[in-house]
Amino acid sequence: YGRIQLLLRAAPPPPERLRLPDPTGTVSVENLFVRAPGR
């Protein structure tokens, strides 16, 4: 039970998102920094 609660609180469900218009495929990458999990 304790492990389940910790997991559910560490990874809560994302908030509901407003449905956006279907994308056409325009991609913008802006000053992007990305870390690998655990690094």
Full PDB file with SEQRES, HELIX, SHEET, SSBOND, CRYST1, ORIGX, SCALE, CONECT and MASTER records, all heavy atoms in Angstrom:
SEQRES   1 A   39  TYR GLY ARG ILE GLN LEU LEU LEU ARG ALA ALA PRO PRO          
SEQRES   2 A   39  PRO PRO GLU ARG LEU ARG LEU PRO ASP PRO THR GLY THR          
SEQRES   3 A   39  VAL SER VAL GLU ASN LEU PHE VAL ARG ALA PRO GLY ARG          
HELIX    1 AA1 GLY A    2  ALA A   10  1                                   9    
CRYST1    1.000    1.000    1.000  90.00  90.00  90.00 P 1           1          
ORIGX1      1.000000  0.000000  0.000000        0.00000                         
ORIGX2      0.000000  1.000000  0.000000        0.00000                         
ORIGX3      0.000000  0.000000  1.000000        0.00000                         
SCALE1      1.000000  0.000000  0.000000        0.00000                         
SCALE2      0.000000  1.000000  0.000000        0.00000                         
SCALE3      0.000000  0.000000  1.000000        0.00000                         
ATOM      1  N   TYR A   1       0.830  -1.199   0.000  1.00  0.00           N  
ATOM      2  CA  TYR A   1       0.000   0.000   0.000  1.00  0.00           C  
ATOM      3  C   TYR A   1       0.874   1.261   0.000  1.00  0.00           C  
ATOM      4  O   TYR A   1       0.625   2.220  -0.743  1.00  0.00           O  
ATOM      5  CB  TYR A   1      -0.913  -0.006   1.217  1.00  0.00           C  
ATOM      6  CG  TYR A   1      -1.803   1.204   1.354  1.00  0.00           C  
ATOM      7  CD1 TYR A   1      -3.085   1.219   0.807  1.00  0.00           C  
ATOM      8  CD2 TYR A   1      -1.382   2.338   2.035  1.00  0.00           C  
ATOM      9  CE1 TYR A   1      -3.901   2.327   0.931  1.00  0.00           C  
ATOM     10  CE2 TYR A   1      -2.188   3.452   2.157  1.00  0.00           C  
ATOM     11  CZ  TYR A   1      -3.440   3.443   1.610  1.00  0.00           C  
ATOM     12  OH  TYR A   1      -4.241   4.550   1.727  1.00  0.00           O  
ATOM     13  N   GLY A   2       1.908   1.251   0.844  1.00  0.00           N  
ATOM     14  CA  GLY A   2       2.801   2.408   0.901  1.00  0.00           C  
ATOM     15  C   GLY A   2       3.513   2.648  -0.416  1.00  0.00           C  
ATOM     16  O   GLY A   2       3.637   3.795  -0.868  1.00  0.00           O  
ATOM     17  N   ARG A   3       3.993   1.568  -1.059  1.00  0.00           N  
ATOM     18  CA  ARG A   3       4.676   1.732  -2.341  1.00  0.00           C  
ATOM     19  C   ARG A   3       3.728   2.266  -3.407  1.00  0.00           C  
ATOM     20  O   ARG A   3       4.104   3.102  -4.242  1.00  0.00           O  
ATOM     21  CB  ARG A   3       5.292   0.403  -2.789  1.00  0.00           C  
ATOM     22  CG  ARG A   3       6.565   0.029  -2.059  1.00  0.00           C  
ATOM     23  CD  ARG A   3       7.335  -1.048  -2.811  1.00  0.00           C  
ATOM     24  NE  ARG A   3       6.604  -2.299  -2.869  1.00  0.00           N  
ATOM     25  CZ  ARG A   3       6.870  -3.362  -2.121  1.00  0.00           C  
ATOM     26  NH1 ARG A   3       7.838  -3.320  -1.227  1.00  0.00           N  
ATOM     27  NH2 ARG A   3       6.170  -4.480  -2.256  1.00  0.00           N  
ATOM     28  N   ILE A   4       2.489   1.782  -3.412  1.00  0.00           N  
ATOM     29  CA  ILE A   4       1.513   2.249  -4.397  1.00  0.00           C  
ATOM     30  C   ILE A   4       1.232   3.737  -4.210  1.00  0.00           C  
ATOM     31  O   ILE A   4       1.198   4.509  -5.176  1.00  0.00           O  
ATOM     32  CB  ILE A   4       0.215   1.428  -4.303  1.00  0.00           C  
ATOM     33  CG1 ILE A   4       0.453  -0.012  -4.770  1.00  0.00           C  
ATOM     34  CG2 ILE A   4      -0.884   2.066  -5.140  1.00  0.00           C  
ATOM     35  CD1 ILE A   4      -0.728  -0.919  -4.542  1.00  0.00           C  
ATOM     36  N   GLN A   5       1.042   4.147  -2.968  1.00  0.00           N  
ATOM     37  CA  GLN A   5       0.757   5.559  -2.711  1.00  0.00           C  
ATOM     38  C   GLN A   5       1.914   6.448  -3.140  1.00  0.00           C  
ATOM     39  O   GLN A   5       1.716   7.513  -3.739  1.00  0.00           O  
ATOM     40  CB  GLN A   5       0.456   5.777  -1.213  1.00  0.00           C  
ATOM     41  CG  GLN A   5      -0.914   5.316  -0.775  1.00  0.00           C  
ATOM     42  CD  GLN A   5      -2.018   6.254  -1.247  1.00  0.00           C  
ATOM     43  OE1 GLN A   5      -2.084   6.623  -2.403  1.00  0.00           O  
ATOM     44  NE2 GLN A   5      -2.903   6.623  -0.344  1.00  0.00           N  
ATOM     45  N   LEU A   6       3.138   5.999  -2.854  1.00  0.00           N  
ATOM     46  CA  LEU A   6       4.301   6.786  -3.259  1.00  0.00           C  
ATOM     47  C   LEU A   6       4.369   6.905  -4.775  1.00  0.00           C  
ATOM     48  O   LEU A   6       4.670   7.977  -5.316  1.00  0.00           O  
ATOM     49  CB  LEU A   6       5.579   6.140  -2.714  1.00  0.00           C  
ATOM     50  CG  LEU A   6       5.794   6.252  -1.201  1.00  0.00           C  
ATOM     51  CD1 LEU A   6       7.032   5.464  -0.788  1.00  0.00           C  
ATOM     52  CD2 LEU A   6       5.930   7.709  -0.768  1.00  0.00           C  
ATOM     53  N   LEU A   7       4.084   5.817  -5.475  1.00  0.00           N  
ATOM     54  CA  LEU A   7       4.123   5.840  -6.936  1.00  0.00           C  
ATOM     55  C   LEU A   7       3.049   6.765  -7.496  1.00  0.00           C  
ATOM     56  O   LEU A   7       3.313   7.586  -8.390  1.00  0.00           O  
ATOM     57  CB  LEU A   7       3.941   4.431  -7.493  1.00  0.00           C  
ATOM     58  CG  LEU A   7       3.816   4.332  -9.013  1.00  0.00           C  
ATOM     59  CD1 LEU A   7       5.140   4.692  -9.680  1.00  0.00           C  
ATOM     60  CD2 LEU A   7       3.379   2.946  -9.436  1.00  0.00           C  
ATOM     61  N   LEU A   8       1.822   6.639  -6.975  1.00  0.00           N  
ATOM     62  CA  LEU A   8       0.725   7.455  -7.494  1.00  0.00           C  
ATOM     63  C   LEU A   8       0.959   8.940  -7.240  1.00  0.00           C  
ATOM     64  O   LEU A   8       0.557   9.786  -8.041  1.00  0.00           O  
ATOM     65  CB  LEU A   8      -0.599   7.018  -6.865  1.00  0.00           C  
ATOM     66  CG  LEU A   8      -1.123   5.640  -7.306  1.00  0.00           C  
ATOM     67  CD1 LEU A   8      -2.347   5.258  -6.504  1.00  0.00           C  
ATOM     68  CD2 LEU A   8      -1.452   5.637  -8.800  1.00  0.00           C  
ATOM     69  N   ARG A   9       1.621   9.264  -6.128  1.00  0.00           N  
ATOM     70  CA  ARG A   9       1.894  10.671  -5.839  1.00  0.00           C  
ATOM     71  C   ARG A   9       3.125  11.173  -6.590  1.00  0.00           C  
ATOM     72  O   ARG A   9       3.229  12.364  -6.876  1.00  0.00           O  
ATOM     73  CB  ARG A   9       2.051  10.864  -4.343  1.00  0.00           C  
ATOM     74  CG  ARG A   9       0.697  10.781  -3.641  1.00  0.00           C  
ATOM     75  CD  ARG A   9       0.765  10.969  -2.161  1.00  0.00           C  
ATOM     76  NE  ARG A   9      -0.594  11.011  -1.629  1.00  0.00           N  
ATOM     77  CZ  ARG A   9      -0.927  10.664  -0.406  1.00  0.00           C  
ATOM     78  NH1 ARG A   9       0.001  10.228   0.427  1.00  0.00           N  
ATOM     79  NH2 ARG A   9      -2.180  10.729  -0.001  1.00  0.00           N  
ATOM     80  N   ALA A  10       4.039  10.260  -6.904  1.00  0.00           N  
ATOM     81  CA  ALA A  10       5.219  10.666  -7.681  1.00  0.00           C  
ATOM     82  C   ALA A  10       4.887  10.835  -9.151  1.00  0.00           C  
ATOM     83  O   ALA A  10       5.559  11.601  -9.859  1.00  0.00           O  
ATOM     84  CB  ALA A  10       6.331   9.635  -7.514  1.00  0.00           C  
ATOM     85  N   ALA A  11       3.880  10.101  -9.636  1.00  0.00           N  
ATOM     86  CA  ALA A  11       3.502  10.177 -11.054  1.00  0.00           C  
ATOM     87  C   ALA A  11       2.010  10.425 -11.166  1.00  0.00           C  
ATOM     88  O   ALA A  11       1.253   9.559 -11.600  1.00  0.00           O  
ATOM     89  CB  ALA A  11       3.898   8.892 -11.773  1.00  0.00           C  
ATOM     90  N   PRO A  12       1.545  11.607 -10.752  1.00  0.00           N  
ATOM     91  CA  PRO A  12       0.099  11.887 -10.812  1.00  0.00           C  
ATOM     92  C   PRO A  12      -0.369  12.000 -12.253  1.00  0.00           C  
ATOM     93  O   PRO A  12       0.430  12.263 -13.162  1.00  0.00           O  
ATOM     94  CB  PRO A  12      -0.017  13.232 -10.076  1.00  0.00           C  
ATOM     95  CG  PRO A  12       1.302  13.883 -10.285  1.00  0.00           C  
ATOM     96  CD  PRO A  12       2.319  12.771 -10.291  1.00  0.00           C  
ATOM     97  N   PRO A  13      -1.656  11.802 -12.478  1.00  0.00           N  
ATOM     98  CA  PRO A  13      -2.171  11.938 -13.854  1.00  0.00           C  
ATOM     99  C   PRO A  13      -2.051  13.380 -14.323  1.00  0.00           C  
ATOM    100  O   PRO A  13      -2.160  14.314 -13.526  1.00  0.00           O  
ATOM    101  CB  PRO A  13      -3.635  11.505 -13.728  1.00  0.00           C  
ATOM    102  CG  PRO A  13      -3.974  11.695 -12.289  1.00  0.00           C  
ATOM    103  CD  PRO A  13      -2.710  11.444 -11.530  1.00  0.00           C  
ATOM    104  N   PRO A  14      -1.789  13.578 -15.600  1.00  0.00           N  
ATOM    105  CA  PRO A  14      -1.686  14.954 -16.112  1.00  0.00           C  
ATOM    106  C   PRO A  14      -3.042  15.641 -16.039  1.00  0.00           C  
ATOM    107  O   PRO A  14      -4.089  14.989 -16.092  1.00  0.00           O  
ATOM    108  CB  PRO A  14      -1.232  14.756 -17.566  1.00  0.00           C  
ATOM    109  CG  PRO A  14      -1.707  13.380 -17.922  1.00  0.00           C  
ATOM    110  CD  PRO A  14      -1.627  12.576 -16.663  1.00  0.00           C  
ATOM    111  N   PRO A  15      -3.040  16.954 -15.921  1.00  0.00           N  
ATOM    112  CA  PRO A  15      -4.330  17.665 -15.897  1.00  0.00           C  
ATOM    113  C   PRO A  15      -5.038  17.531 -17.237  1.00  0.00           C  
ATOM    114  O   PRO A  15      -4.414  17.290 -18.269  1.00  0.00           O  
ATOM    115  CB  PRO A  15      -3.919  19.119 -15.619  1.00  0.00           C  
ATOM    116  CG  PRO A  15      -2.505  19.209 -16.086  1.00  0.00           C  
ATOM    117  CD  PRO A  15      -1.895  17.872 -15.830  1.00  0.00           C  
ATOM    118  N   GLU A  16      -6.341  17.684 -17.202  1.00  0.00           N  
ATOM    119  CA  GLU A  16      -7.113  17.626 -18.437  1.00  0.00           C  
ATOM    120  C   GLU A  16      -6.713  18.785 -19.347  1.00  0.00           C  
ATOM    121  O   GLU A  16      -6.532  19.915 -18.898  1.00  0.00           O  
ATOM    122  CB  GLU A  16      -8.610  17.682 -18.141  1.00  0.00           C  
ATOM    123  CG  GLU A  16      -9.142  16.432 -17.462  1.00  0.00           C  
ATOM    124  CD  GLU A  16     -10.656  16.443 -17.369  1.00  0.00           C  
ATOM    125  OE1 GLU A  16     -11.270  17.312 -18.031  1.00  0.00           O  
ATOM    126  OE2 GLU A  16     -11.211  15.612 -16.646  1.00  0.00           O  
ATOM    127  N   ARG A  17      -6.557  18.455 -20.616  1.00  0.00           N  
ATOM    128  CA  ARG A  17      -6.133  19.454 -21.582  1.00  0.00           C  
ATOM    129  C   ARG A  17      -7.290  19.802 -22.517  1.00  0.00           C  
ATOM    130  O   ARG A  17      -8.066  18.932 -22.909  1.00  0.00           O  
ATOM    131  CB  ARG A  17      -4.969  18.922 -22.419  1.00  0.00           C  
ATOM    132  CG  ARG A  17      -3.735  18.531 -21.613  1.00  0.00           C  
ATOM    133  CD  ARG A  17      -3.129  19.725 -20.931  1.00  0.00           C  
ATOM    134  NE  ARG A  17      -1.864  19.388 -20.273  1.00  0.00           N  
ATOM    135  CZ  ARG A  17      -1.209  20.222 -19.485  1.00  0.00           C  
ATOM    136  NH1 ARG A  17      -1.692  21.433 -19.259  1.00  0.00           N  
ATOM    137  NH2 ARG A  17      -0.072  19.853 -18.924  1.00  0.00           N  
ATOM    138  N   LEU A  18      -7.373  21.084 -22.868  1.00  0.00           N  
ATOM    139  CA  LEU A  18      -8.349  21.520 -23.863  1.00  0.00           C  
ATOM    140  C   LEU A  18      -7.964  20.914 -25.207  1.00  0.00           C  
ATOM    141  O   LEU A  18      -6.794  20.927 -25.597  1.00  0.00           O  
ATOM    142  CB  LEU A  18      -8.357  23.039 -23.955  1.00  0.00           C  
ATOM    143  CG  LEU A  18      -9.297  23.650 -24.994  1.00  0.00           C  
ATOM    144  CD1 LEU A  18     -10.739  23.468 -24.552  1.00  0.00           C  
ATOM    145  CD2 LEU A  18      -8.983  25.122 -25.200  1.00  0.00           C  
ATOM    146  N   ARG A  19      -8.930  20.365 -25.901  1.00  0.00           N  
ATOM    147  CA  ARG A  19      -8.640  19.788 -27.203  1.00  0.00           C  
ATOM    148  C   ARG A  19      -8.280  20.900 -28.187  1.00  0.00           C  
ATOM    149  O   ARG A  19      -9.054  21.829 -28.413  1.00  0.00           O  
ATOM    150  CB  ARG A  19      -9.838  18.996 -27.720  1.00  0.00           C  
ATOM    151  CG  ARG A  19      -9.563  18.326 -29.065  1.00  0.00           C  
ATOM    152  CD  ARG A  19     -10.747  17.513 -29.552  1.00  0.00           C  
ATOM    153  NE  ARG A  19     -10.467  16.950 -30.865  1.00  0.00           N  
ATOM    154  CZ  ARG A  19      -9.819  15.819 -31.074  1.00  0.00           C  
ATOM    155  NH1 ARG A  19      -9.399  15.113 -30.025  1.00  0.00           N  
ATOM    156  NH2 ARG A  19      -9.598  15.374 -32.287  1.00  0.00           N  
ATOM    157  N   LEU A  20      -7.090  20.773 -28.765  1.00  0.00           N  
ATOM    158  CA  LEU A  20      -6.599  21.754 -29.721  1.00  0.00           C  
ATOM    159  C   LEU A  20      -6.962  21.326 -31.139  1.00  0.00           C  
ATOM    160  O   LEU A  20      -7.262  20.157 -31.379  1.00  0.00           O  
ATOM    161  CB  LEU A  20      -5.078  21.892 -29.590  1.00  0.00           C  
ATOM    162  CG  LEU A  20      -4.563  22.364 -28.229  1.00  0.00           C  
ATOM    163  CD1 LEU A  20      -3.051  22.246 -28.161  1.00  0.00           C  
ATOM    164  CD2 LEU A  20      -4.994  23.798 -27.965  1.00  0.00           C  
ATOM    165  N   PRO A  21      -6.936  22.263 -32.083  1.00  0.00           N  
ATOM    166  CA  PRO A  21      -7.147  21.859 -33.484  1.00  0.00           C  
ATOM    167  C   PRO A  21      -6.091  20.850 -33.907  1.00  0.00           C  
ATOM    168  O   PRO A  21      -4.942  20.912 -33.472  1.00  0.00           O  
ATOM    169  CB  PRO A  21      -6.999  23.182 -34.253  1.00  0.00           C  
ATOM    170  CG  PRO A  21      -7.251  24.242 -33.240  1.00  0.00           C  
ATOM    171  CD  PRO A  21      -6.766  23.713 -31.937  1.00  0.00           C  
ATOM    172  N   ASP A  22      -6.490  19.920 -34.744  1.00  0.00           N  
ATOM    173  CA  ASP A  22      -5.543  18.908 -35.201  1.00  0.00           C  
ATOM    174  C   ASP A  22      -4.349  19.580 -35.854  1.00  0.00           C  
ATOM    175  O   ASP A  22      -4.498  20.522 -36.643  1.00  0.00           O  
ATOM    176  CB  ASP A  22      -6.206  17.967 -36.202  1.00  0.00           C  
ATOM    177  CG  ASP A  22      -7.235  17.055 -35.526  1.00  0.00           C  
ATOM    178  OD1 ASP A  22      -7.205  16.966 -34.289  1.00  0.00           O  
ATOM    179  OD2 ASP A  22      -8.056  16.449 -36.247  1.00  0.00           O  
ATOM    180  N   PRO A  23      -3.124  19.108 -35.539  1.00  0.00           N  
ATOM    181  CA  PRO A  23      -1.920  19.799 -36.031  1.00  0.00           C  
ATOM    182  C   PRO A  23      -1.701  19.574 -37.521  1.00  0.00           C  
ATOM    183  O   PRO A  23      -2.111  18.564 -38.096  1.00  0.00           O  
ATOM    184  CB  PRO A  23      -0.797  19.158 -35.205  1.00  0.00           C  
ATOM    185  CG  PRO A  23      -1.308  17.791 -34.882  1.00  0.00           C  
ATOM    186  CD  PRO A  23      -2.793  17.947 -34.698  1.00  0.00           C  
ATOM    187  N   THR A  24      -1.007  20.543 -38.143  1.00  0.00           N  
ATOM    188  CA  THR A  24      -0.614  20.414 -39.545  1.00  0.00           C  
ATOM    189  C   THR A  24       0.810  19.916 -39.691  1.00  0.00           C  
ATOM    190  O   THR A  24       1.198  19.461 -40.770  1.00  0.00           O  
ATOM    191  CB  THR A  24      -0.744  21.770 -40.260  1.00  0.00           C  
ATOM    192  OG1 THR A  24       0.133  22.724 -39.634  1.00  0.00           O  
ATOM    193  CG2 THR A  24      -2.179  22.274 -40.183  1.00  0.00           C  
ATOM    194  N   GLY A  25       1.619  20.049 -38.590  1.00  0.00           N  
ATOM    195  CA  GLY A  25       2.979  19.518 -38.626  1.00  0.00           C  
ATOM    196  C   GLY A  25       4.070  20.552 -38.522  1.00  0.00           C  
ATOM    197  O   GLY A  25       5.246  20.229 -38.681  1.00  0.00           O  
ATOM    198  N   THR A  26       3.757  21.803 -38.205  1.00  0.00           N  
ATOM    199  CA  THR A  26       4.784  22.818 -37.998  1.00  0.00           C  
ATOM    200  C   THR A  26       5.465  22.584 -36.657  1.00  0.00           C  
ATOM    201  O   THR A  26       4.791  22.508 -35.626  1.00  0.00           O  
ATOM    202  CB  THR A  26       4.176  24.227 -38.034  1.00  0.00           C  
ATOM    203  OG1 THR A  26       3.557  24.433 -39.306  1.00  0.00           O  
ATOM    204  CG2 THR A  26       5.244  25.285 -37.814  1.00  0.00           C  
ATOM    205  N   VAL A  27       6.785  22.446 -36.672  1.00  0.00           N  
ATOM    206  CA  VAL A  27       7.547  22.122 -35.459  1.00  0.00           C  
ATOM    207  C   VAL A  27       8.502  23.264 -35.145  1.00  0.00           C  
ATOM    208  O   VAL A  27       9.227  23.740 -36.040  1.00  0.00           O  
ATOM    209  CB  VAL A  27       8.339  20.808 -35.630  1.00  0.00           C  
ATOM    210  CG1 VAL A  27       9.202  20.536 -34.403  1.00  0.00           C  
ATOM    211  CG2 VAL A  27       7.394  19.647 -35.885  1.00  0.00           C  
ATOM    212  N   SER A  28       8.500  23.709 -33.901  1.00  0.00           N  
ATOM    213  CA  SER A  28       9.428  24.745 -33.444  1.00  0.00           C  
ATOM    214  C   SER A  28      10.168  24.222 -32.219  1.00  0.00           C  
ATOM    215  O   SER A  28       9.544  23.797 -31.243  1.00  0.00           O  
ATOM    216  CB  SER A  28       8.682  26.039 -33.085  1.00  0.00           C  
ATOM    217  OG  SER A  28       7.964  26.531 -34.204  1.00  0.00           O  
ATOM    218  N   VAL A  29      11.486  24.238 -32.291  1.00  0.00           N  
ATOM    219  CA  VAL A  29      12.335  23.875 -31.154  1.00  0.00           C  
ATOM    220  C   VAL A  29      13.012  25.142 -30.681  1.00  0.00           C  
ATOM    221  O   VAL A  29      13.741  25.787 -31.448  1.00  0.00           O  
ATOM    222  CB  VAL A  29      13.367  22.806 -31.555  1.00  0.00           C  
ATOM    223  CG1 VAL A  29      14.306  22.517 -30.399  1.00  0.00           C  
ATOM    224  CG2 VAL A  29      12.659  21.531 -31.992  1.00  0.00           C  
ATOM    225  N   GLU A  30      12.767  25.489 -29.420  1.00  0.00           N  
ATOM    226  CA  GLU A  30      13.203  26.795 -28.915  1.00  0.00           C  
ATOM    227  C   GLU A  30      14.136  26.621 -27.729  1.00  0.00           C  
ATOM    228  O   GLU A  30      13.716  26.202 -26.639  1.00  0.00           O  
ATOM    229  CB  GLU A  30      11.979  27.633 -28.511  1.00  0.00           C  
ATOM    230  CG  GLU A  30      10.984  27.852 -29.646  1.00  0.00           C  
ATOM    231  CD  GLU A  30       9.683  28.481 -29.171  1.00  0.00           C  
ATOM    232  OE1 GLU A  30       9.532  28.657 -27.937  1.00  0.00           O  
ATOM    233  OE2 GLU A  30       8.826  28.780 -30.022  1.00  0.00           O  
ATOM    234  N   ASN A  31      15.420  26.901 -27.943  1.00  0.00           N  
ATOM    235  CA  ASN A  31      16.422  26.894 -26.869  1.00  0.00           C  
ATOM    236  C   ASN A  31      16.283  25.650 -25.993  1.00  0.00           C  
ATOM    237  O   ASN A  31      16.200  25.727 -24.774  1.00  0.00           O  
ATOM    238  CB  ASN A  31      16.290  28.165 -26.022  1.00  0.00           C  
ATOM    239  CG  ASN A  31      17.543  28.439 -25.206  1.00  0.00           C  
ATOM    240  OD1 ASN A  31      18.639  28.069 -25.609  1.00  0.00           O  
ATOM    241  ND2 ASN A  31      17.373  29.079 -24.067  1.00  0.00           N  
ATOM    242  N   LEU A  32      16.267  24.505 -26.611  1.00  0.00           N  
ATOM    243  CA  LEU A  32      15.917  23.248 -25.960  1.00  0.00           C  
ATOM    244  C   LEU A  32      17.099  22.647 -25.208  1.00  0.00           C  
ATOM    245  O   LEU A  32      18.199  22.493 -25.764  1.00  0.00           O  
ATOM    246  CB  LEU A  32      15.411  22.250 -27.004  1.00  0.00           C  
ATOM    247  CG  LEU A  32      14.996  20.877 -26.496  1.00  0.00           C  
ATOM    248  CD1 LEU A  32      13.771  20.993 -25.591  1.00  0.00           C  
ATOM    249  CD2 LEU A  32      14.703  19.943 -27.671  1.00  0.00           C  
ATOM    250  N   PHE A  33      16.854  22.301 -23.951  1.00  0.00           N  
ATOM    251  CA  PHE A  33      17.770  21.510 -23.141  1.00  0.00           C  
ATOM    252  C   PHE A  33      17.017  20.242 -22.727  1.00  0.00           C  
ATOM    253  O   PHE A  33      15.888  20.327 -22.248  1.00  0.00           O  
ATOM    254  CB  PHE A  33      18.224  22.258 -21.884  1.00  0.00           C  
ATOM    255  CG  PHE A  33      19.212  23.359 -22.149  1.00  0.00           C  
ATOM    256  CD1 PHE A  33      18.806  24.570 -22.700  1.00  0.00           C  
ATOM    257  CD2 PHE A  33      20.555  23.195 -21.839  1.00  0.00           C  
ATOM    258  CE1 PHE A  33      19.703  25.588 -22.943  1.00  0.00           C  
ATOM    259  CE2 PHE A  33      21.471  24.212 -22.069  1.00  0.00           C  
ATOM    260  CZ  PHE A  33      21.047  25.417 -22.627  1.00  0.00           C  
ATOM    261  N   VAL A  34      17.643  19.082 -22.882  1.00  0.00           N  
ATOM    262  CA  VAL A  34      17.002  17.816 -22.520  1.00  0.00           C  
ATOM    263  C   VAL A  34      17.981  16.986 -21.709  1.00  0.00           C  
ATOM    264  O   VAL A  34      19.162  16.847 -22.089  1.00  0.00           O  
ATOM    265  CB  VAL A  34      16.564  17.018 -23.771  1.00  0.00           C  
ATOM    266  CG1 VAL A  34      15.907  15.708 -23.361  1.00  0.00           C  
ATOM    267  CG2 VAL A  34      15.599  17.848 -24.612  1.00  0.00           C  
ATOM    268  N   ARG A  35      17.478  16.428 -20.603  1.00  0.00           N  
ATOM    269  CA  ARG A  35      18.267  15.504 -19.782  1.00  0.00           C  
ATOM    270  C   ARG A  35      17.673  14.111 -19.887  1.00  0.00           C  
ATOM    271  O   ARG A  35      16.455  13.950 -19.912  1.00  0.00           O  
ATOM    272  CB  ARG A  35      18.276  15.939 -18.318  1.00  0.00           C  
ATOM    273  CG  ARG A  35      19.092  17.169 -18.019  1.00  0.00           C  
ATOM    274  CD  ARG A  35      19.343  17.306 -16.518  1.00  0.00           C  
ATOM    275  NE  ARG A  35      18.098  17.493 -15.806  1.00  0.00           N  
ATOM    276  CZ  ARG A  35      17.623  18.677 -15.411  1.00  0.00           C  
ATOM    277  NH1 ARG A  35      18.300  19.770 -15.685  1.00  0.00           N  
ATOM    278  NH2 ARG A  35      16.491  18.765 -14.764  1.00  0.00           N  
ATOM    279  N   ALA A  36      18.536  13.114 -19.909  1.00  0.00           N  
ATOM    280  CA  ALA A  36      18.066  11.736 -19.859  1.00  0.00           C  
ATOM    281  C   ALA A  36      17.563  11.443 -18.451  1.00  0.00           C  
ATOM    282  O   ALA A  36      18.038  12.040 -17.479  1.00  0.00           O  
ATOM    283  CB  ALA A  36      19.195  10.770 -20.221  1.00  0.00           C  
ATOM    284  N   PRO A  37      16.572  10.559 -18.295  1.00  0.00           N  
ATOM    285  CA  PRO A  37      16.056  10.239 -16.962  1.00  0.00           C  
ATOM    286  C   PRO A  37      17.185   9.779 -16.029  1.00  0.00           C  
ATOM    287  O   PRO A  37      18.005   8.939 -16.399  1.00  0.00           O  
ATOM    288  CB  PRO A  37      15.071   9.093 -17.236  1.00  0.00           C  
ATOM    289  CG  PRO A  37      14.653   9.299 -18.653  1.00  0.00           C  
ATOM    290  CD  PRO A  37      15.846   9.850 -19.362  1.00  0.00           C  
ATOM    291  N   GLY A  38      17.219  10.383 -14.849  1.00  0.00           N  
ATOM    292  CA  GLY A  38      18.221   9.998 -13.859  1.00  0.00           C  
ATOM    293  C   GLY A  38      19.567  10.670 -14.035  1.00  0.00           C  
ATOM    294  O   GLY A  38      20.488  10.401 -13.257  1.00  0.00           O  
ATOM    295  N   ARG A  39      19.703  11.537 -15.031  1.00  0.00           N  
ATOM    296  CA  ARG A  39      20.971  12.228 -15.255  1.00  0.00           C  
ATOM    297  C   ARG A  39      20.802  13.719 -15.038  1.00  0.00           C  
ATOM    298  O   ARG A  39      19.756  14.289 -15.308  1.00  0.00           O  
ATOM    299  CB  ARG A  39      21.493  11.967 -16.670  1.00  0.00           C  
ATOM    300  CG  ARG A  39      21.918  10.530 -16.918  1.00  0.00           C  
ATOM    301  CD  ARG A  39      22.460  10.342 -18.322  1.00  0.00           C  
ATOM    302  NE  ARG A  39      23.578  11.223 -18.615  1.00  0.00           N  
ATOM    303  CZ  ARG A  39      24.192  11.285 -19.801  1.00  0.00           C  
ATOM    304  NH1 ARG A  39      23.768  10.520 -20.804  1.00  0.00           N  
ATOM    305  NH2 ARG A  39      25.203  12.106 -19.993  1.00  0.00           N  
TER     306      ARG A  39                                                      
MASTER        0    0    0    1    0    0    0    6  305    1    0    3          
END                                                                             
